[in-house]
PDB file of N, CA and C in Angstrom:
ATOM      1  N   MET A   1      -9.804  22.098 -20.814  1.00  0.00           N
ATOM      2  CA  MET A   1      -9.411  21.722 -19.749  1.00  0.00           C
ATOM      3  C   MET A   1     -10.285  21.141 -18.538  1.00  0.00           C
ATOM      4  N   SER A   2     -11.482  21.075 -19.000  1.00  0.00           N
ATOM      5  CA  SER A   2     -12.391  20.111 -18.095  1.00  0.00           C
ATOM      6  C   SER A   2     -12.293  18.770 -18.336  1.00  0.00           C
ATOM      7  N   ALA A   3     -12.136  18.389 -19.948  1.00  0.00           N
ATOM      8  CA  ALA A   3     -11.958  17.382 -20.125  1.00  0.00           C
ATOM      9  C   ALA A   3     -10.707  16.492 -19.907  1.00  0.00           C
ATOM     10  N   LEU A   4      -9.890  17.258 -19.048  1.00  0.00           N
ATOM     11  CA  LEU A   4      -8.584  16.602 -18.951  1.00  0.00           C
ATOM     12  C   LEU A   4      -8.990  16.557 -17.520  1.00  0.00           C
ATOM     13  N   ASP A   5      -9.711  17.286 -16.832  1.00  0.00           N
ATOM     14  CA  ASP A   5      -9.934  16.758 -15.423  1.00  0.00           C
ATOM     15  C   ASP A   5     -10.767  15.727 -15.337  1.00  0.00           C
ATOM     16  N   SER A   6     -11.752  15.448 -16.049  1.00  0.00           N
ATOM     17  CA  SER A   6     -13.021  14.589 -16.039  1.00  0.00           C
ATOM     18  C   SER A   6     -12.147  13.281 -16.413  1.00  0.00           C
ATOM     19  N   SER A   7     -11.536  13.173 -17.623  1.00  0.00           N
ATOM     20  CA  SER A   7     -10.186  12.058 -17.611  1.00  0.00           C
ATOM     21  C   SER A   7      -9.608  11.563 -16.592  1.00  0.00           C
ATOM     22  N   SER A   8      -9.087  12.512 -15.809  1.00  0.00           N
ATOM     23  CA  SER A   8      -8.264  11.889 -14.912  1.00  0.00           C
ATOM     24  C   SER A   8      -9.040  11.465 -13.313  1.00  0.00           C
ATOM     25  N   ASP A   9     -10.250  12.241 -13.352  1.00  0.00           N
ATOM     26  CA  ASP A   9     -11.073  11.672 -12.280  1.00  0.00           C
ATOM     27  C   ASP A   9     -11.677  10.395 -12.790  1.00  0.00           C
ATOM     28  N   ASP A  10     -11.855  10.104 -13.982  1.00  0.00           N
ATOM     29  CA  ASP A  10     -12.088   8.891 -13.968  1.00  0.00           C
ATOM     30  C   ASP A  10     -11.388   7.359 -13.809  1.00  0.00           C
ATOM     31  N   PHE A  11      -9.888   8.008 -14.285  1.00  0.00           N
ATOM     32  CA  PHE A  11      -8.908   6.973 -14.006  1.00  0.00           C
ATOM     33  C   PHE A  11      -8.667   6.550 -12.531  1.00  0.00           C
ATOM     34  N   VAL A  12      -8.815   8.159 -12.128  1.00  0.00           N
ATOM     35  CA  VAL A  12      -8.860   7.650 -10.412  1.00  0.00           C
ATOM     36  C   VAL A  12     -10.097   6.425 -10.012  1.00  0.00           C
ATOM     37  N   SER A  13     -11.164   7.145 -10.321  1.00  0.00           N
ATOM     38  CA  SER A  13     -12.208   6.440  -9.682  1.00  0.00           C
ATOM     39  C   SER A  13     -12.243   5.001 -10.157  1.00  0.00           C
ATOM     40  N   SER A  14     -12.106   4.762 -11.337  1.00  0.00           N
ATOM     41  CA  SER A  14     -12.526   3.445 -12.000  1.00  0.00           C
ATOM     42  C   SER A  14     -10.948   2.296 -12.000  1.00  0.00           C
ATOM     43  N   PHE A  15     -10.041   3.304 -11.756  1.00  0.00           N
ATOM     44  CA  PHE A  15      -9.021   2.455 -12.106  1.00  0.00           C
ATOM     45  C   PHE A  15      -8.327   1.891 -10.695  1.00  0.00           C
ATOM     46  N   LEU A  16      -7.879   3.198  -9.909  1.00  0.00           N
ATOM     47  CA  LEU A  16      -7.104   3.070  -8.994  1.00  0.00           C
ATOM     48  C   LEU A  16      -7.881   3.046  -7.564  1.00  0.00           C
ATOM     49  N   LEU A  17      -9.077   3.327  -7.534  1.00  0.00           N
ATOM     50  CA  LEU A  17      -9.914   3.143  -6.112  1.00  0.00           C
ATOM     51  C   LEU A  17     -10.692   2.185  -6.419  1.00  0.00           C
ATOM     52  N   LYS A  18     -10.852   0.860  -6.988  1.00  0.00           N
ATOM     53  CA  LYS A  18     -11.889  -0.295  -7.063  1.00  0.00           C
ATOM     54  C   LYS A  18     -11.089  -1.310  -5.978  1.00  0.00           C
ATOM     55  N   PRO A  19     -11.917  -2.171  -5.276  1.00  0.00           N
ATOM     56  CA  PRO A  19     -11.530  -3.215  -4.275  1.00  0.00           C
ATOM     57  C   PRO A  19     -10.539  -3.960  -5.038  1.00  0.00           C
ATOM     58  N   GLY A  20      -9.102  -4.115  -4.404  1.00  0.00           N
ATOM     59  CA  GLY A  20      -8.243  -5.022  -4.726  1.00  0.00           C
ATOM     60  C   GLY A  20      -7.019  -4.253  -5.667  1.00  0.00           C
ATOM     61  N   SER A  21      -7.397  -2.857  -5.757  1.00  0.00           N
ATOM     62  CA  SER A  21      -6.367  -2.401  -6.604  1.00  0.00           C
ATOM     63  C   SER A  21      -4.997  -1.988  -5.869  1.00  0.00           C
ATOM     64  N   SER A  22      -5.279  -2.264  -4.475  1.00  0.00           N
ATOM     65  CA  SER A  22      -3.950  -2.145  -3.468  1.00  0.00           C
ATOM     66  C   SER A  22      -2.831  -3.003  -4.056  1.00  0.00           C
ATOM     67  N   LEU A  23      -2.940  -4.071  -4.503  1.00  0.00           N
ATOM     68  CA  LEU A  23      -2.080  -5.064  -5.393  1.00  0.00           C
ATOM     69  C   LEU A  23      -1.425  -4.701  -6.789  1.00  0.00           C
ATOM     70  N   ASN A  24      -2.476  -3.547  -7.667  1.00  0.00           N
ATOM     71  CA  ASN A  24      -1.941  -3.345  -9.010  1.00  0.00           C
ATOM     72  C   ASN A  24      -0.830  -2.500  -8.736  1.00  0.00           C
ATOM     73  N   PRO A  25       0.435  -3.112  -9.944  1.00  0.00           N
ATOM     74  CA  PRO A  25       1.309  -2.587 -10.130  1.00  0.00           C
ATOM     75  C   PRO A  25       1.368  -1.091 -10.667  1.00  0.00           C
ATOM     76  N   THR A  26       0.245  -0.718 -10.899  1.00  0.00           N
ATOM     77  CA  THR A  26       0.367   0.916 -11.551  1.00  0.00           C
ATOM     78  C   THR A  26       0.233   1.793  -9.888  1.00  0.00           C
ATOM     79  N   PHE A  27      -0.767   1.148  -9.174  1.00  0.00           N
ATOM     80  CA  PHE A  27      -1.128   1.754  -8.161  1.00  0.00           C
ATOM     81  C   PHE A  27       0.169   1.834  -6.968  1.00  0.00           C
ATOM     82  N   LEU A  28       0.890   0.521  -7.184  1.00  0.00           N
ATOM     83  CA  LEU A  28       2.139   0.527  -6.265  1.00  0.00           C
ATOM     84  C   LEU A  28       3.007   1.568  -6.831  1.00  0.00           C
ATOM     85  N   LEU A  29       3.526   1.824  -8.011  1.00  0.00           N
ATOM     86  CA  LEU A  29       4.256   2.658  -8.671  1.00  0.00           C
ATOM     87  C   LEU A  29       3.845   4.055  -8.294  1.00  0.00           C
ATOM     88  N   VAL A  30       2.669   4.306  -8.211  1.00  0.00           N
ATOM     89  CA  VAL A  30       2.191   5.738  -7.880  1.00  0.00           C
ATOM     90  C   VAL A  30       2.418   6.252  -6.609  1.00  0.00           C
ATOM     91  N   LEU A  31       2.163   4.795  -5.650  1.00  0.00           N
ATOM     92  CA  LEU A  31       2.270   5.355  -3.920  1.00  0.00           C
ATOM     93  C   LEU A  31       4.000   5.194  -3.792  1.00  0.00           C
ATOM     94  N   ASP A  32       4.826   4.514  -4.757  1.00  0.00           N
ATOM     95  CA  ASP A  32       6.071   4.357  -4.331  1.00  0.00           C
ATOM     96  C   ASP A  32       6.493   6.222  -4.894  1.00  0.00           C
ATOM     97  N   GLY A  33       6.519   6.258  -5.819  1.00  0.00           N
ATOM     98  CA  GLY A  33       6.135   7.940  -6.581  1.00  0.00           C
ATOM     99  C   GLY A  33       6.368   8.949  -5.677  1.00  0.00           C
ATOM    100  N   ALA A  34       5.117   8.893  -4.622  1.00  0.00           N
ATOM    101  CA  ALA A  34       4.377   9.540  -3.996  1.00  0.00           C
ATOM    102  C   ALA A  34       5.495   9.841  -2.464  1.00  0.00           C
ATOM    103  N   PHE A  35       5.951   8.627  -2.223  1.00  0.00           N
ATOM    104  CA  PHE A  35       6.835   8.397  -0.967  1.00  0.00           C
ATOM    105  C   PHE A  35       8.388   9.091  -1.412  1.00  0.00           C
ATOM    106  N   ALA A  36       8.841   8.783  -2.614  1.00  0.00           N
ATOM    107  CA  ALA A  36      10.100   9.230  -3.054  1.00  0.00           C
ATOM    108  C   ALA A  36      10.166  10.624  -2.843  1.00  0.00           C
ATOM    109  N   ALA A  37       8.801  11.607  -3.965  1.00  0.00           N
ATOM    110  CA  ALA A  37       8.822  12.834  -3.664  1.00  0.00           C
ATOM    111  C   ALA A  37       8.431  13.409  -2.392  1.00  0.00           C
ATOM    112  N   LEU A  38       8.195  12.913  -1.674  1.00  0.00           N
ATOM    113  CA  LEU A  38       7.775  13.199  -0.302  1.00  0.00           C
ATOM    114  C   LEU A  38       9.287  13.423   0.384  1.00  0.00           C
ATOM    115  N   LEU A  39      10.093  12.394   0.306  1.00  0.00           N
ATOM    116  CA  LEU A  39      11.222  12.202   0.725  1.00  0.00           C
ATOM    117  C   LEU A  39      12.242  13.158   0.173  1.00  0.00           C
ATOM    118  N   CYS A  40      12.173  13.646  -0.918  1.00  0.00           N
ATOM    119  CA  CYS A  40      12.716  14.255  -1.983  1.00  0.00           C
ATOM    120  C   CYS A  40      12.757  15.914  -1.378  1.00  0.00           C
ATOM    121  N   ILE A  41      11.489  16.007  -1.084  1.00  0.00           N
ATOM    122  CA  ILE A  41      11.079  17.189  -0.240  1.00  0.00           C
ATOM    123  C   ILE A  41      11.723  17.434   0.912  1.00  0.00           C
ATOM    124  N   PHE A  42      11.579  16.697   1.937  1.00  0.00           N
ATOM    125  CA  PHE A  42      12.271  16.355   3.164  1.00  0.00           C
ATOM    126  C   PHE A  42      13.942  16.664   3.216  1.00  0.00           C
ATOM    127  N   ILE A  43      14.254  15.888   2.197  1.00  0.00           N
ATOM    128  CA  ILE A  43      15.752  15.874   2.070  1.00  0.00           C
ATOM    129  C   ILE A  43      16.007  17.491   1.638  1.00  0.00           C
ATOM    130  N   SER A  44      15.399  18.156   0.532  1.00  0.00           N
ATOM    131  CA  SER A  44      15.922  19.469   0.133  1.00  0.00           C
ATOM    132  C   SER A  44      15.516  20.595   1.391  1.00  0.00           C
ATOM    133  N   LEU A  45      14.558  20.103   2.490  1.00  0.00           N
ATOM    134  CA  LEU A  45      14.249  21.163   3.683  1.00  0.00           C
ATOM    135  C   LEU A  45      15.352  20.899   4.618  1.00  0.00           C
ATOM    136  N   LEU A  46      15.766  19.509   4.473  1.00  0.00           N
ATOM    137  CA  LEU A  46      16.574  19.442   5.443  1.00  0.00           C
ATOM    138  C   LEU A  46      18.231  20.432   5.248  1.00  0.00           C
ATOM    139  N   PHE A  47      18.459  20.490   3.859  1.00  0.00           N
ATOM    140  CA  PHE A  47      19.545  21.331   3.441  1.00  0.00           C
ATOM    141  C   PHE A  47      19.423  22.871   3.723  1.00  0.00           C
ATOM    142  N   LEU A  48      18.254  23.371   3.318  1.00  0.00           N
ATOM    143  CA  LEU A  48      17.677  24.388   3.261  1.00  0.00           C
ATOM    144  C   LEU A  48      17.717  24.943   4.739  1.00  0.00           C
ATOM    145  N   LEU A  49      17.138  24.252   5.556  1.00  0.00           N
ATOM    146  CA  LEU A  49      16.812  24.660   6.982  1.00  0.00           C
ATOM    147  C   LEU A  49      17.953  24.229   7.746  1.00  0.00           C
ATOM    148  N   SER A  50      19.233  23.768   7.271  1.00  0.00           N
ATOM    149  CA  SER A  50      20.463  23.418   8.198  1.00  0.00           C
ATOM    150  C   SER A  50      20.398  22.598   9.195  1.00  0.00           C
ATOM    151  N   GLY A  51      20.103  21.427   8.859  1.00  0.00           N
ATOM    152  CA  GLY A  51      20.070  20.078   9.748  1.00  0.00           C
ATOM    153  C   GLY A  51      18.934  20.665  10.930  1.00  0.00           C
ATOM    154  N   SER A  52      17.589  20.669  10.493  1.00  0.00           N
ATOM    155  CA  SER A  52      16.701  21.005  11.770  1.00  0.00           C
ATOM    156  C   SER A  52      16.265  19.771  11.993  1.00  0.00           C
ATOM    157  N   LEU A  53      16.194  19.354  13.646  1.00  0.00           N
ATOM    158  CA  LEU A  53      15.898  18.179  14.200  1.00  0.00           C
ATOM    159  C   LEU A  53      14.136  17.719  13.569  1.00  0.00           C
ATOM    160  N   HIS A  54      13.605  18.600  13.555  1.00  0.00           N
ATOM    161  CA  HIS A  54      12.201  18.301  13.274  1.00  0.00           C
ATOM    162  C   HIS A  54      12.184  17.650  11.672  1.00  0.00           C
ATOM    163  N   ILE A  55      12.947  18.370  10.822  1.00  0.00           N
ATOM    164  CA  ILE A  55      12.804  17.495   9.410  1.00  0.00           C
ATOM    165  C   ILE A  55      13.468  16.085   9.331  1.00  0.00           C
ATOM    166  N   VAL A  56      14.552  15.935  10.349  1.00  0.00           N
ATOM    167  CA  VAL A  56      14.800  14.599  10.636  1.00  0.00           C
ATOM    168  C   VAL A  56      13.869  13.632  11.173  1.00  0.00           C
ATOM    169  N   ALA A  57      13.331  14.122  11.740  1.00  0.00           N
ATOM    170  CA  ALA A  57      12.297  13.313  12.750  1.00  0.00           C
ATOM    171  C   ALA A  57      11.163  12.929  11.396  1.00  0.00           C
ATOM    172  N   LEU A  58      10.819  14.103  10.650  1.00  0.00           N
ATOM    173  CA  LEU A  58       9.715  13.846   9.784  1.00  0.00           C
ATOM    174  C   LEU A  58      10.265  12.803   8.572  1.00  0.00           C
ATOM    175  N   ILE A  59      11.648  12.922   8.346  1.00  0.00           N
ATOM    176  CA  ILE A  59      12.131  11.786   7.204  1.00  0.00           C
ATOM    177  C   ILE A  59      12.060  10.562   7.957  1.00  0.00           C
ATOM    178  N   GLY A  60      12.481  10.072   9.341  1.00  0.00           N
ATOM    179  CA  GLY A  60      12.271   8.970   9.933  1.00  0.00           C
ATOM    180  C   GLY A  60      10.945   8.816   9.820  1.00  0.00           C
ATOM    181  N   ILE A  61       9.646   9.545  10.012  1.00  0.00           N
ATOM    182  CA  ILE A  61       8.599   9.100  10.274  1.00  0.00           C
ATOM    183  C   ILE A  61       7.978   8.507   8.744  1.00  0.00           C
ATOM    184  N   GLU A  62       8.341   8.998   7.591  1.00  0.00           N
ATOM    185  CA  GLU A  62       8.388   8.920   6.342  1.00  0.00           C
ATOM    186  C   GLU A  62       8.692   7.632   6.062  1.00  0.00           C
ATOM    187  N   LEU A  63      10.112   7.313   6.411  1.00  0.00           N
ATOM    188  CA  LEU A  63      10.698   6.134   6.086  1.00  0.00           C
ATOM    189  C   LEU A  63      10.029   4.885   6.849  1.00  0.00           C
ATOM    190  N   CYS A  64       9.774   5.034   7.941  1.00  0.00           N
ATOM    191  CA  CYS A  64       9.081   3.988   8.769  1.00  0.00           C
ATOM    192  C   CYS A  64       7.736   3.617   8.022  1.00  0.00           C
ATOM    193  N   LEU A  65       6.931   4.641   7.583  1.00  0.00           N
ATOM    194  CA  LEU A  65       5.627   4.660   6.985  1.00  0.00           C
ATOM    195  C   LEU A  65       5.767   4.057   5.550  1.00  0.00           C
ATOM    196  N   TRP A  66       6.649   4.362   4.927  1.00  0.00           N
ATOM    197  CA  TRP A  66       6.689   3.760   3.838  1.00  0.00           C
ATOM    198  C   TRP A  66       6.965   2.266   3.636  1.00  0.00           C
ATOM    199  N   ALA A  67       8.400   2.003   4.905  1.00  0.00           N
ATOM    200  CA  ALA A  67       8.505   0.554   5.055  1.00  0.00           C
ATOM    201  C   ALA A  67       7.637  -0.089   5.214  1.00  0.00           C
ATOM    202  N   SER A  68       6.286   0.271   6.103  1.00  0.00           N
ATOM    203  CA  SER A  68       5.148  -0.349   6.627  1.00  0.00           C
ATOM    204  C   SER A  68       4.106  -0.776   5.620  1.00  0.00           C
ATOM    205  N   VAL A  69       3.963   0.063   4.603  1.00  0.00           N
ATOM    206  CA  VAL A  69       3.292   0.053   3.377  1.00  0.00           C
ATOM    207  C   VAL A  69       3.590  -1.012   2.542  1.00  0.00           C
ATOM    208  N   LYS A  70       5.266  -0.860   2.260  1.00  0.00           N
ATOM    209  CA  LYS A  70       5.934  -2.189   1.559  1.00  0.00           C
ATOM    210  C   LYS A  70       5.377  -3.164   2.357  1.00  0.00           C
ATOM    211  N   TRP A  71       5.854  -3.562   3.872  1.00  0.00           N
ATOM    212  CA  TRP A  71       5.627  -4.558   4.110  1.00  0.00           C
ATOM    213  C   TRP A  71       4.324  -5.438   4.184  1.00  0.00           C
ATOM    214  N   PHE A  72       3.191  -4.469   4.518  1.00  0.00           N
ATOM    215  CA  PHE A  72       1.928  -4.584   4.175  1.00  0.00           C
ATOM    216  C   PHE A  72       1.461  -5.483   2.980  1.00  0.00           C
ATOM    217  N   VAL A  73       1.840  -4.562   2.013  1.00  0.00           N
ATOM    218  CA  VAL A  73       1.569  -5.161   0.668  1.00  0.00           C
ATOM    219  C   VAL A  73       2.250  -6.664   0.319  1.00  0.00           C
ATOM    220  N   ASN A  74       3.445  -6.529   0.751  1.00  0.00           N
ATOM    221  CA  ASN A  74       4.403  -7.835   0.675  1.00  0.00           C
ATOM    222  C   ASN A  74       3.413  -8.923   1.519  1.00  0.00           C
ATOM    223  N   GLU A  75       2.936  -8.802   2.419  1.00  0.00           N
ATOM    224  CA  GLU A  75       1.885  -9.729   3.322  1.00  0.00           C
ATOM    225  C   GLU A  75       0.478  -9.943   2.565  1.00  0.00           C
ATOM    226  N   LEU A  76       0.181  -8.999   1.943  1.00  0.00           N
ATOM    227  CA  LEU A  76      -0.958  -9.492   0.919  1.00  0.00           C
ATOM    228  C   LEU A  76      -0.820 -10.595   0.035  1.00  0.00           C
ATOM    229  N   LYS A  77       0.635 -10.127  -0.531  1.00  0.00           N
ATOM    230  CA  LYS A  77       1.109 -10.980  -1.528  1.00  0.00           C
ATOM    231  C   LYS A  77       1.595 -12.378  -1.368  1.00  0.00           C
ATOM    232  N   SER A  78       1.548 -12.328  -0.010  1.00  0.00           N
ATOM    233  CA  SER A  78       2.351 -13.847   0.273  1.00  0.00           C
ATOM    234  C   SER A  78       1.288 -14.818   0.284  1.00  0.00           C
ATOM    235  N   PRO A  79       1.717 -16.053  -0.398  1.00  0.00           N
ATOM    236  CA  PRO A  79       0.896 -17.463  -0.500  1.00  0.00           C
ATOM    237  C   PRO A  79       0.268 -17.597   1.118  1.00  0.00           C
ATOM    238  N   GLN A  80       1.051 -17.292   1.778  1.00  0.00           N
ATOM    239  CA  GLN A  80       0.504 -17.842   3.459  1.00  0.00           C
ATOM    240  C   GLN A  80      -0.539 -17.064   3.872  1.00  0.00           C
ATOM    241  N   SER A  81      -0.833 -15.877   3.287  1.00  0.00           N
ATOM    242  CA  SER A  81      -1.986 -15.452   3.988  1.00  0.00           C
ATOM    243  C   SER A  81      -3.284 -15.692   2.702  1.00  0.00           C
ATOM    244  N   GLN A  82      -2.934 -16.120   1.801  1.00  0.00           N
ATOM    245  CA  GLN A  82      -4.174 -16.782   0.875  1.00  0.00           C
ATOM    246  C   GLN A  82      -4.374 -17.988   1.419  1.00  0.00           C
ATOM    247  N   THR A  83      -3.385 -18.861   1.894  1.00  0.00           N
ATOM    248  CA  THR A  83      -3.953 -20.217   2.517  1.00  0.00           C
ATOM    249  C   THR A  83      -4.612 -20.226   3.937  1.00  0.00           C
ATOM    250  N   GLY A  84      -4.373 -18.887   4.378  1.00  0.00           N
ATOM    251  CA  GLY A  84      -5.018 -18.762   5.803  1.00  0.00           C
ATOM    252  C   GLY A  84      -6.356 -18.744   5.838  1.00  0.00           C
ATOM    253  N   GLY A  85      -6.880 -18.437   4.537  1.00  0.00           N
ATOM    254  CA  GLY A  85      -8.728 -18.789   4.582  1.00  0.00           C
ATOM    255  C   GLY A  85      -8.879 -19.993   4.161  1.00  0.00           C
ATOM    256  N   GLN A  86      -8.200 -20.778   3.816  1.00  0.00           N
ATOM    257  CA  GLN A  86      -8.340 -22.121   3.465  1.00  0.00           C
ATOM    258  C   GLN A  86      -8.062 -22.870   4.702  1.00  0.00           C
ATOM    259  N   ALA A  87      -7.355 -22.680   5.479  1.00  0.00           N
ATOM    260  CA  ALA A  87      -7.123 -23.520   6.620  1.00  0.00           C
ATOM    261  C   ALA A  87      -8.622 -23.278   7.759  1.00  0.00           C
ATOM    262  N   HIS A  88      -8.569 -22.041   7.486  1.00  0.00           N
ATOM    263  CA  HIS A  88     -10.108 -21.708   8.643  1.00  0.00           C
ATOM    264  C   HIS A  88     -11.095 -22.444   7.759  1.00  0.00           C
ATOM    265  N   THR A  89     -11.189 -22.809   6.673  1.00  0.00           N
ATOM    266  CA  THR A  89     -12.643 -23.717   6.132  1.00  0.00           C
ATOM    267  C   THR A  89     -12.341 -25.046   6.312  1.00  0.00           C
ATOM    268  N   GLU A  90     -10.862 -25.768   6.446  1.00  0.00           N
ATOM    269  CA  GLU A  90     -10.761 -26.906   6.844  1.00  0.00           C
ATOM    270  C   GLU A  90     -11.137 -27.120   8.234  1.00  0.00           C
ATOM    271  N   ALA A  91     -10.776 -26.224   9.081  1.00  0.00           N
ATOM    272  CA  ALA A  91     -11.007 -26.483  10.953  1.00  0.00           C
ATOM    273  C   ALA A  91     -13.061 -26.527  10.756  1.00  0.00           C
ATOM    274  N   ASN A  92     -13.278 -26.389  10.059  1.00  0.00           N
ATOM    275  CA  ASN A  92     -14.746 -26.016  10.136  1.00  0.00           C
ATOM    276  C   ASN A  92     -15.392 -27.256  10.611  1.00  0.00           C
ATOM    277  N   PRO A  93     -16.325 -27.371  11.565  1.00  0.00           N
ATOM    278  CA  PRO A  93     -17.123 -28.819  12.034  1.00  0.00           C
ATOM    279  C   PRO A  93     -17.736 -29.312  10.857  1.00  0.00           C
ATOM    280  N   GLU A  94     -18.238 -28.359  10.042  1.00  0.00           N
ATOM    281  CA  GLU A  94     -19.262 -29.338   8.690  1.00  0.00           C
ATOM    282  C   GLU A  94     -18.326 -29.856   8.025  1.00  0.00           C
ATOM    283  N   ASN A  95     -17.115 -29.256   7.652  1.00  0.00           N
ATOM    284  CA  ASN A  95     -16.186 -29.876   6.721  1.00  0.00           C
ATOM    285  C   ASN A  95     -16.102 -31.438   7.581  1.00  0.00           C
ATOM    286  N   GLU A  96     -15.744 -31.566   8.752  1.00  0.00           N
ATOM    287  CA  GLU A  96     -15.037 -32.591   9.431  1.00  0.00           C
ATOM    288  C   GLU A  96     -16.164 -33.891   9.472  1.00  0.00           C
ATOM    289  N   ALA A  97     -17.193 -33.226   9.173  1.00  0.00           N
ATOM    290  CA  ALA A  97     -18.643 -33.986   9.538  1.00  0.00           C
ATOM    291  C   ALA A  97     -18.800 -34.645   7.883  1.00  0.00           C
ATOM    292  N   LYS A  98     -18.343 -33.934   7.079  1.00  0.00           N
ATOM    293  CA  LYS A  98     -18.565 -34.500   5.431  1.00  0.00           C
ATOM    294  C   LYS A  98     -17.552 -35.438   5.287  1.00  0.00           C
ATOM    295  N   LYS A  99     -16.357 -35.035   5.973  1.00  0.00           N
ATOM    296  CA  LYS A  99     -15.029 -35.827   5.955  1.00  0.00           C
ATOM    297  C   LYS A  99     -15.140 -37.293   6.372  1.00  0.00           C
ATOM    298  N   ILE A 100     -16.210 -37.283   7.532  1.00  0.00           N
ATOM    299  CA  ILE A 100     -16.414 -38.528   8.124  1.00  0.00           C
ATOM    300  C   ILE A 100     -17.242 -39.559   7.175  1.00  0.00           C
ATOM    301  N   GLN A 101     -18.176 -38.856   6.778  1.00  0.00           N
ATOM    302  CA  GLN A 101     -19.666 -39.740   5.928  1.00  0.00           C
ATOM    303  C   GLN A 101     -18.656 -39.893   4.615  1.00  0.00           C
TER     304      GLN A 101
END
């Protein structure tokens, strides 16, 4: 059992928790699976508790969080955010002086 635990710890630490892993398709799939599982739990609680207002609020919060994470990942993937750094270096006065020379 400990060999299984150590292999899963190695997977998490070496693959999912390294810098830049937020755009990894495997990480995004695990994240979507976690949000989907949480939504299924909330929906089942909604039926078990006869439509509790608190569960409806939690479902709304969970869906907003899921949507904001998807939006953030799409912003990271967009080419405009990648060119934003280049635009900053072009506006650098040192680069302007080099262009003039």
